[in-house]
Amino acid sequence: MAATRTAKAHWEGSLLEGGGQVNLESSGLGSFDVTWAARTEPEASGRTSPEELLGAAHSACFSMALSHALAQAGNPPASLDTQADVTFQPGEGITGIKLSVNGNVPGLTADEFAEFAEGAKKNCPVSQALTGTTITLDVTFTA
């Protein structure tokens, strides 16, 4: 059965001076302020950007796909910690996503874990939706 999740955005004013809010409608978990400055200035605390929200979605999706693949192979992870760094270049758009994962998976070697991680990078639904974007992967393993 297909599931549809909904988020809404409201914006007021011009791109550079305006601002808005993103609301997580389906879950009701919150509203987040968004501005152009949050996209382009590292010190824009208290506000988010489409890239940060995309990174949250990608890191969660990747972790879920990796966990599922590992469990299907008989090696459920003790833990997975995933970070997604989404780079935005004004005038160009999103220029890349770097996924970094640290896994603690009893019964696997670091090389085996890296193979599973590569598969999850390729096959998680968010990665597939972003096929026009360069996605790199950095893997660390805790034995």
N, C-alpha and C. Protein backbone atom coordinates (compact mmCIF):
# COMPACT_ATOMS: atom_id res chain seq x y z
N MET A 1 0.84 -1.17 0.00
CA MET A 1 0.00 0.00 0.00
C MET A 1 0.89 1.24 0.00
N ALA A 2 0.61 2.17 -0.86
CA ALA A 2 1.37 3.41 -0.96
C ALA A 2 1.03 4.33 0.22
N ALA A 3 2.01 5.07 0.65
CA ALA A 3 1.80 6.06 1.71
C ALA A 3 2.22 7.43 1.19
N THR A 4 1.42 8.41 1.47
CA THR A 4 1.74 9.78 1.09
C THR A 4 1.95 10.59 2.35
N ARG A 5 3.05 11.30 2.43
CA ARG A 5 3.35 12.18 3.56
C ARG A 5 3.33 13.61 3.03
N THR A 6 2.90 14.54 3.88
CA THR A 6 2.71 15.91 3.42
C THR A 6 3.46 16.90 4.28
N ALA A 7 4.14 17.81 3.62
CA ALA A 7 4.75 18.97 4.26
C ALA A 7 4.26 20.19 3.49
N LYS A 8 4.14 21.30 4.18
CA LYS A 8 3.70 22.54 3.55
C LYS A 8 4.70 23.63 3.84
N ALA A 9 4.79 24.59 2.92
CA ALA A 9 5.64 25.76 3.11
C ALA A 9 4.81 27.02 2.87
N HIS A 10 5.08 28.03 3.68
CA HIS A 10 4.49 29.36 3.52
C HIS A 10 5.64 30.35 3.46
N TRP A 11 5.63 31.24 2.47
CA TRP A 11 6.71 32.21 2.27
C TRP A 11 6.11 33.59 2.13
N GLU A 12 6.79 34.58 2.70
CA GLU A 12 6.39 35.98 2.55
C GLU A 12 7.61 36.81 2.20
N GLY A 13 7.44 37.70 1.22
CA GLY A 13 8.51 38.61 0.84
C GLY A 13 9.40 38.07 -0.25
N SER A 14 10.43 38.86 -0.54
CA SER A 14 11.37 38.49 -1.60
C SER A 14 12.28 37.36 -1.14
N LEU A 15 13.03 36.81 -2.08
CA LEU A 15 13.94 35.72 -1.75
C LEU A 15 14.96 36.15 -0.70
N LEU A 16 15.61 37.28 -0.92
CA LEU A 16 16.71 37.68 -0.03
C LEU A 16 16.25 38.25 1.31
N GLU A 17 15.14 38.97 1.32
CA GLU A 17 14.69 39.58 2.57
C GLU A 17 13.54 38.83 3.23
N GLY A 18 12.89 37.96 2.50
CA GLY A 18 11.71 37.27 3.02
C GLY A 18 12.05 36.06 3.87
N GLY A 19 11.03 35.36 4.22
CA GLY A 19 11.20 34.15 5.01
C GLY A 19 9.90 33.37 5.05
N GLY A 20 9.98 32.22 5.63
CA GLY A 20 8.80 31.39 5.70
C GLY A 20 8.92 30.31 6.73
N GLN A 21 7.97 29.40 6.66
CA GLN A 21 7.94 28.25 7.55
C GLN A 21 7.59 27.01 6.75
N VAL A 22 8.21 25.91 7.16
CA VAL A 22 7.88 24.60 6.64
C VAL A 22 7.18 23.86 7.77
N ASN A 23 6.05 23.25 7.46
CA ASN A 23 5.29 22.50 8.45
C ASN A 23 5.24 21.03 8.08
N LEU A 24 5.55 20.18 9.03
CA LEU A 24 5.43 18.74 8.83
C LEU A 24 3.98 18.35 9.12
N GLU A 25 3.17 18.35 8.09
CA GLU A 25 1.73 18.18 8.23
C GLU A 25 1.33 16.76 8.63
N SER A 26 1.90 15.77 8.00
CA SER A 26 1.48 14.39 8.26
C SER A 26 1.75 13.97 9.70
N SER A 27 2.93 14.28 10.18
CA SER A 27 3.30 13.86 11.53
C SER A 27 2.88 14.87 12.59
N GLY A 28 2.74 16.12 12.19
CA GLY A 28 2.44 17.17 13.15
C GLY A 28 3.59 17.44 14.11
N LEU A 29 4.79 17.05 13.72
CA LEU A 29 5.93 17.17 14.62
C LEU A 29 6.51 18.57 14.73
N GLY A 30 6.14 19.46 13.83
CA GLY A 30 6.66 20.80 14.03
C GLY A 30 6.67 21.67 12.80
N SER A 31 7.00 22.92 13.08
CA SER A 31 7.17 23.95 12.08
C SER A 31 8.59 24.46 12.17
N PHE A 32 9.18 24.76 11.02
CA PHE A 32 10.57 25.20 11.00
C PHE A 32 10.69 26.45 10.14
N ASP A 33 11.35 27.47 10.68
CA ASP A 33 11.58 28.69 9.93
C ASP A 33 12.61 28.44 8.85
N VAL A 34 12.38 29.00 7.65
CA VAL A 34 13.30 28.89 6.52
C VAL A 34 13.56 30.28 5.95
N THR A 35 14.82 30.52 5.55
CA THR A 35 15.21 31.78 4.92
C THR A 35 16.31 31.50 3.91
N TRP A 36 16.53 32.48 3.04
CA TRP A 36 17.66 32.40 2.12
C TRP A 36 18.97 32.36 2.90
N ALA A 37 19.07 33.15 3.95
CA ALA A 37 20.30 33.17 4.75
C ALA A 37 20.61 31.79 5.32
N ALA A 38 19.59 31.04 5.70
CA ALA A 38 19.82 29.70 6.24
C ALA A 38 20.42 28.77 5.18
N ARG A 39 20.19 29.08 3.90
CA ARG A 39 20.76 28.28 2.81
C ARG A 39 22.21 28.64 2.55
N THR A 40 22.57 29.90 2.78
CA THR A 40 23.85 30.39 2.29
C THR A 40 24.83 30.85 3.35
N GLU A 41 24.40 31.02 4.59
CA GLU A 41 25.28 31.51 5.64
C GLU A 41 25.41 30.47 6.74
N PRO A 42 26.64 30.06 7.05
CA PRO A 42 26.84 29.01 8.06
C PRO A 42 26.33 29.37 9.45
N GLU A 43 26.24 30.65 9.77
CA GLU A 43 25.85 31.07 11.11
C GLU A 43 24.34 31.30 11.24
N ALA A 44 23.54 30.83 10.33
CA ALA A 44 22.11 31.09 10.33
C ALA A 44 21.40 30.13 11.29
N SER A 45 21.66 30.25 12.58
CA SER A 45 21.07 29.33 13.55
C SER A 45 19.60 29.67 13.79
N GLY A 46 18.87 28.68 14.24
CA GLY A 46 17.46 28.87 14.53
C GLY A 46 16.56 28.78 13.32
N ARG A 47 17.15 28.58 12.15
CA ARG A 47 16.38 28.44 10.91
C ARG A 47 16.95 27.26 10.13
N THR A 48 16.16 26.72 9.27
CA THR A 48 16.62 25.59 8.49
C THR A 48 16.59 25.94 7.01
N SER A 49 16.96 24.98 6.19
CA SER A 49 16.98 25.17 4.75
C SER A 49 16.45 23.91 4.08
N PRO A 50 16.06 24.01 2.82
CA PRO A 50 15.66 22.80 2.10
C PRO A 50 16.77 21.75 2.10
N GLU A 51 18.03 22.20 2.07
CA GLU A 51 19.14 21.25 2.03
C GLU A 51 19.27 20.49 3.35
N GLU A 52 19.07 21.18 4.47
CA GLU A 52 19.14 20.49 5.76
C GLU A 52 18.00 19.48 5.88
N LEU A 53 16.81 19.88 5.44
CA LEU A 53 15.67 18.96 5.48
C LEU A 53 15.90 17.77 4.56
N LEU A 54 16.49 18.01 3.39
CA LEU A 54 16.83 16.92 2.47
C LEU A 54 17.87 16.00 3.11
N GLY A 55 18.86 16.58 3.79
CA GLY A 55 19.86 15.77 4.48
C GLY A 55 19.24 14.89 5.56
N ALA A 56 18.28 15.43 6.28
CA ALA A 56 17.59 14.64 7.30
C ALA A 56 16.87 13.46 6.65
N ALA A 57 16.16 13.73 5.56
CA ALA A 57 15.45 12.67 4.86
C ALA A 57 16.41 11.62 4.31
N HIS A 58 17.52 12.08 3.74
CA HIS A 58 18.45 11.14 3.10
C HIS A 58 19.16 10.29 4.14
N SER A 59 19.60 10.89 5.25
CA SER A 59 20.30 10.10 6.27
C SER A 59 19.36 9.07 6.90
N ALA A 60 18.10 9.44 7.11
CA ALA A 60 17.15 8.49 7.68
C ALA A 60 16.85 7.36 6.69
N CYS A 61 16.61 7.70 5.44
CA CYS A 61 16.29 6.70 4.42
C CYS A 61 17.45 5.72 4.22
N PHE A 62 18.66 6.27 4.11
CA PHE A 62 19.85 5.44 3.93
C PHE A 62 20.00 4.47 5.11
N SER A 63 19.85 4.98 6.34
CA SER A 63 19.99 4.13 7.53
C SER A 63 18.96 3.02 7.54
N MET A 64 17.74 3.34 7.14
CA MET A 64 16.69 2.33 7.09
C MET A 64 17.00 1.26 6.03
N ALA A 65 17.45 1.70 4.87
CA ALA A 65 17.77 0.74 3.80
C ALA A 65 18.95 -0.14 4.19
N LEU A 66 19.95 0.45 4.81
CA LEU A 66 21.12 -0.32 5.22
C LEU A 66 20.75 -1.30 6.33
N SER A 67 19.97 -0.86 7.30
CA SER A 67 19.53 -1.74 8.38
C SER A 67 18.75 -2.93 7.83
N HIS A 68 17.87 -2.66 6.88
CA HIS A 68 17.06 -3.72 6.29
C HIS A 68 17.93 -4.72 5.54
N ALA A 69 18.85 -4.24 4.73
CA ALA A 69 19.72 -5.14 3.97
C ALA A 69 20.57 -6.00 4.90
N LEU A 70 21.09 -5.40 5.95
CA LEU A 70 21.90 -6.16 6.90
C LEU A 70 21.08 -7.22 7.61
N ALA A 71 19.88 -6.85 8.04
CA ALA A 71 19.01 -7.81 8.74
C ALA A 71 18.59 -8.95 7.81
N GLN A 72 18.30 -8.62 6.55
CA GLN A 72 17.92 -9.66 5.58
C GLN A 72 19.05 -10.65 5.37
N ALA A 73 20.30 -10.20 5.54
CA ALA A 73 21.45 -11.08 5.37
C ALA A 73 21.82 -11.78 6.67
N GLY A 74 21.02 -11.57 7.72
CA GLY A 74 21.28 -12.25 8.99
C GLY A 74 22.20 -11.52 9.93
N ASN A 75 22.49 -10.25 9.65
CA ASN A 75 23.39 -9.46 10.50
C ASN A 75 22.76 -8.11 10.85
N PRO A 76 21.72 -8.10 11.68
CA PRO A 76 21.12 -6.82 12.04
C PRO A 76 22.15 -5.94 12.76
N PRO A 77 22.15 -4.66 12.48
CA PRO A 77 23.16 -3.79 13.11
C PRO A 77 22.85 -3.55 14.59
N ALA A 78 23.93 -3.43 15.37
CA ALA A 78 23.78 -2.96 16.75
C ALA A 78 23.48 -1.47 16.70
N SER A 79 24.15 -0.76 15.78
CA SER A 79 23.88 0.66 15.61
C SER A 79 24.42 1.14 14.26
N LEU A 80 23.76 2.17 13.74
CA LEU A 80 24.20 2.88 12.54
C LEU A 80 24.06 4.36 12.84
N ASP A 81 25.10 5.11 12.56
CA ASP A 81 25.07 6.57 12.70
C ASP A 81 25.39 7.16 11.34
N THR A 82 24.43 7.86 10.77
CA THR A 82 24.58 8.40 9.41
C THR A 82 24.44 9.91 9.41
N GLN A 83 25.33 10.55 8.69
CA GLN A 83 25.27 12.01 8.48
C GLN A 83 25.18 12.26 6.99
N ALA A 84 24.36 13.22 6.60
CA ALA A 84 24.26 13.63 5.20
C ALA A 84 24.61 15.11 5.11
N ASP A 85 25.68 15.41 4.41
CA ASP A 85 26.11 16.79 4.17
C ASP A 85 25.66 17.17 2.76
N VAL A 86 24.71 18.09 2.66
CA VAL A 86 24.15 18.51 1.39
C VAL A 86 24.75 19.88 1.05
N THR A 87 25.43 19.97 -0.08
CA THR A 87 26.08 21.21 -0.50
C THR A 87 25.20 21.96 -1.49
N PHE A 88 24.95 23.23 -1.16
CA PHE A 88 24.17 24.12 -2.02
C PHE A 88 25.07 25.25 -2.50
N GLN A 89 25.10 25.47 -3.80
CA GLN A 89 25.88 26.54 -4.40
C GLN A 89 24.91 27.52 -5.06
N PRO A 90 24.81 28.77 -4.53
CA PRO A 90 23.92 29.73 -5.17
C PRO A 90 24.22 29.85 -6.67
N GLY A 91 23.19 29.85 -7.46
CA GLY A 91 23.34 29.93 -8.91
C GLY A 91 23.47 28.58 -9.58
N GLU A 92 23.82 27.55 -8.82
CA GLU A 92 23.95 26.19 -9.37
C GLU A 92 22.93 25.23 -8.77
N GLY A 93 22.66 25.36 -7.50
CA GLY A 93 21.74 24.45 -6.82
C GLY A 93 22.50 23.48 -5.95
N ILE A 94 21.91 22.32 -5.74
CA ILE A 94 22.55 21.28 -4.92
C ILE A 94 23.62 20.63 -5.78
N THR A 95 24.85 20.71 -5.31
CA THR A 95 25.98 20.22 -6.09
C THR A 95 26.52 18.88 -5.60
N GLY A 96 26.03 18.40 -4.48
CA GLY A 96 26.47 17.10 -4.01
C GLY A 96 25.95 16.77 -2.63
N ILE A 97 25.97 15.49 -2.33
CA ILE A 97 25.58 14.99 -1.02
C ILE A 97 26.64 13.99 -0.59
N LYS A 98 27.15 14.18 0.60
CA LYS A 98 28.12 13.24 1.16
C LYS A 98 27.44 12.52 2.32
N LEU A 99 27.28 11.22 2.17
CA LEU A 99 26.78 10.38 3.25
C LEU A 99 27.97 9.83 4.01
N SER A 100 27.93 9.89 5.33
CA SER A 100 28.96 9.30 6.18
C SER A 100 28.24 8.37 7.14
N VAL A 101 28.68 7.13 7.18
CA VAL A 101 28.04 6.17 8.07
C VAL A 101 29.09 5.46 8.92
N ASN A 102 28.76 5.30 10.18
CA ASN A 102 29.56 4.49 11.10
C ASN A 102 28.65 3.36 11.56
N GLY A 103 29.09 2.14 11.36
CA GLY A 103 28.26 1.01 11.71
C GLY A 103 28.91 0.09 12.72
N ASN A 104 28.11 -0.43 13.60
CA ASN A 104 28.51 -1.48 14.54
C ASN A 104 27.62 -2.67 14.20
N VAL A 105 28.22 -3.64 13.51
CA VAL A 105 27.46 -4.79 13.03
C VAL A 105 28.20 -6.07 13.40
N PRO A 106 27.79 -6.71 14.47
CA PRO A 106 28.45 -7.96 14.86
C PRO A 106 28.36 -8.99 13.74
N GLY A 107 29.47 -9.69 13.54
CA GLY A 107 29.50 -10.76 12.55
C GLY A 107 29.96 -10.35 11.17
N LEU A 108 30.22 -9.05 10.96
CA LEU A 108 30.68 -8.59 9.65
C LEU A 108 32.09 -8.03 9.75
N THR A 109 32.79 -8.05 8.62
CA THR A 109 34.06 -7.36 8.52
C THR A 109 33.80 -5.94 8.01
N ALA A 110 34.80 -5.09 8.12
CA ALA A 110 34.67 -3.72 7.62
C ALA A 110 34.40 -3.72 6.12
N ASP A 111 35.06 -4.60 5.37
CA ASP A 111 34.84 -4.66 3.92
C ASP A 111 33.42 -5.11 3.59
N GLU A 112 32.91 -6.08 4.32
CA GLU A 112 31.54 -6.54 4.08
C GLU A 112 30.54 -5.42 4.39
N PHE A 113 30.79 -4.70 5.49
CA PHE A 113 29.91 -3.59 5.83
C PHE A 113 29.92 -2.52 4.74
N ALA A 114 31.11 -2.23 4.20
CA ALA A 114 31.23 -1.22 3.14
C ALA A 114 30.42 -1.63 1.91
N GLU A 115 30.41 -2.92 1.60
CA GLU A 115 29.62 -3.40 0.46
C GLU A 115 28.12 -3.18 0.69
N PHE A 116 27.66 -3.49 1.89
CA PHE A 116 26.25 -3.25 2.21
C PHE A 116 25.93 -1.75 2.14
N ALA A 117 26.84 -0.92 2.64
CA ALA A 117 26.62 0.53 2.64
C ALA A 117 26.53 1.06 1.21
N GLU A 118 27.37 0.58 0.33
CA GLU A 118 27.31 0.99 -1.08
C GLU A 118 25.96 0.60 -1.70
N GLY A 119 25.49 -0.58 -1.37
CA GLY A 119 24.19 -1.01 -1.88
C GLY A 119 23.07 -0.13 -1.38
N ALA A 120 23.12 0.24 -0.09
CA ALA A 120 22.09 1.11 0.47
C ALA A 120 22.15 2.49 -0.16
N LYS A 121 23.36 2.99 -0.42
CA LYS A 121 23.50 4.30 -1.06
C LYS A 121 22.82 4.29 -2.43
N LYS A 122 23.00 3.22 -3.14
CA LYS A 122 22.43 3.11 -4.49
C LYS A 122 20.92 2.87 -4.47
N ASN A 123 20.44 2.12 -3.50
CA ASN A 123 19.07 1.63 -3.54
C ASN A 123 18.07 2.29 -2.61
N CYS A 124 18.51 3.16 -1.69
CA CYS A 124 17.51 3.77 -0.83
C CYS A 124 16.65 4.71 -1.69
N PRO A 125 15.35 4.79 -1.40
CA PRO A 125 14.45 5.58 -2.24
C PRO A 125 14.85 7.06 -2.39
N VAL A 126 15.43 7.66 -1.37
CA VAL A 126 15.83 9.06 -1.51
C VAL A 126 17.02 9.16 -2.47
N SER A 127 17.99 8.27 -2.37
CA SER A 127 19.10 8.27 -3.32
C SER A 127 18.58 8.10 -4.74
N GLN A 128 17.63 7.21 -4.92
CA GLN A 128 17.07 6.98 -6.26
C GLN A 128 16.34 8.22 -6.78
N ALA A 129 15.69 8.94 -5.89
CA ALA A 129 15.00 10.17 -6.30
C ALA A 129 15.99 11.27 -6.67
N LEU A 130 17.21 11.16 -6.19
CA LEU A 130 18.22 12.20 -6.41
C LEU A 130 19.29 11.75 -7.40
N THR A 131 18.93 10.95 -8.37
CA THR A 131 19.93 10.40 -9.29
C THR A 131 20.67 11.46 -10.09
N GLY A 132 20.16 12.66 -10.19
CA GLY A 132 20.87 13.72 -10.90
C GLY A 132 21.92 14.41 -10.05
N THR A 133 22.08 13.97 -8.81
CA THR A 133 23.01 14.59 -7.88
C THR A 133 24.14 13.62 -7.56
N THR A 134 25.36 14.14 -7.47
CA THR A 134 26.49 13.30 -7.08
C THR A 134 26.38 12.97 -5.60
N ILE A 135 26.34 11.68 -5.29
CA ILE A 135 26.26 11.22 -3.91
C ILE A 135 27.51 10.40 -3.62
N THR A 136 28.26 10.83 -2.61
CA THR A 136 29.46 10.09 -2.21
C THR A 136 29.20 9.45 -0.86
N LEU A 137 30.08 8.49 -0.51
CA LEU A 137 29.90 7.74 0.73
C LEU A 137 31.23 7.56 1.44
N ASP A 138 31.23 7.84 2.73
CA ASP A 138 32.37 7.61 3.60
C ASP A 138 31.93 6.62 4.66
N VAL A 139 32.63 5.50 4.77
CA VAL A 139 32.22 4.43 5.66
C VAL A 139 33.26 4.20 6.74
N THR A 140 32.82 4.14 8.00
CA THR A 140 33.67 3.69 9.10
C THR A 140 32.94 2.54 9.78
N PHE A 141 33.71 1.70 10.45
CA PHE A 141 33.16 0.48 11.01
C PHE A 141 33.71 0.28 12.40
N THR A 142 32.82 -0.05 13.33
CA THR A 142 33.21 -0.33 14.70
C THR A 142 33.05 -1.81 14.93
N ALA A 143 34.15 -2.48 15.22
CA ALA A 143 34.09 -3.92 15.41
C ALA A 143 33.66 -4.26 16.82
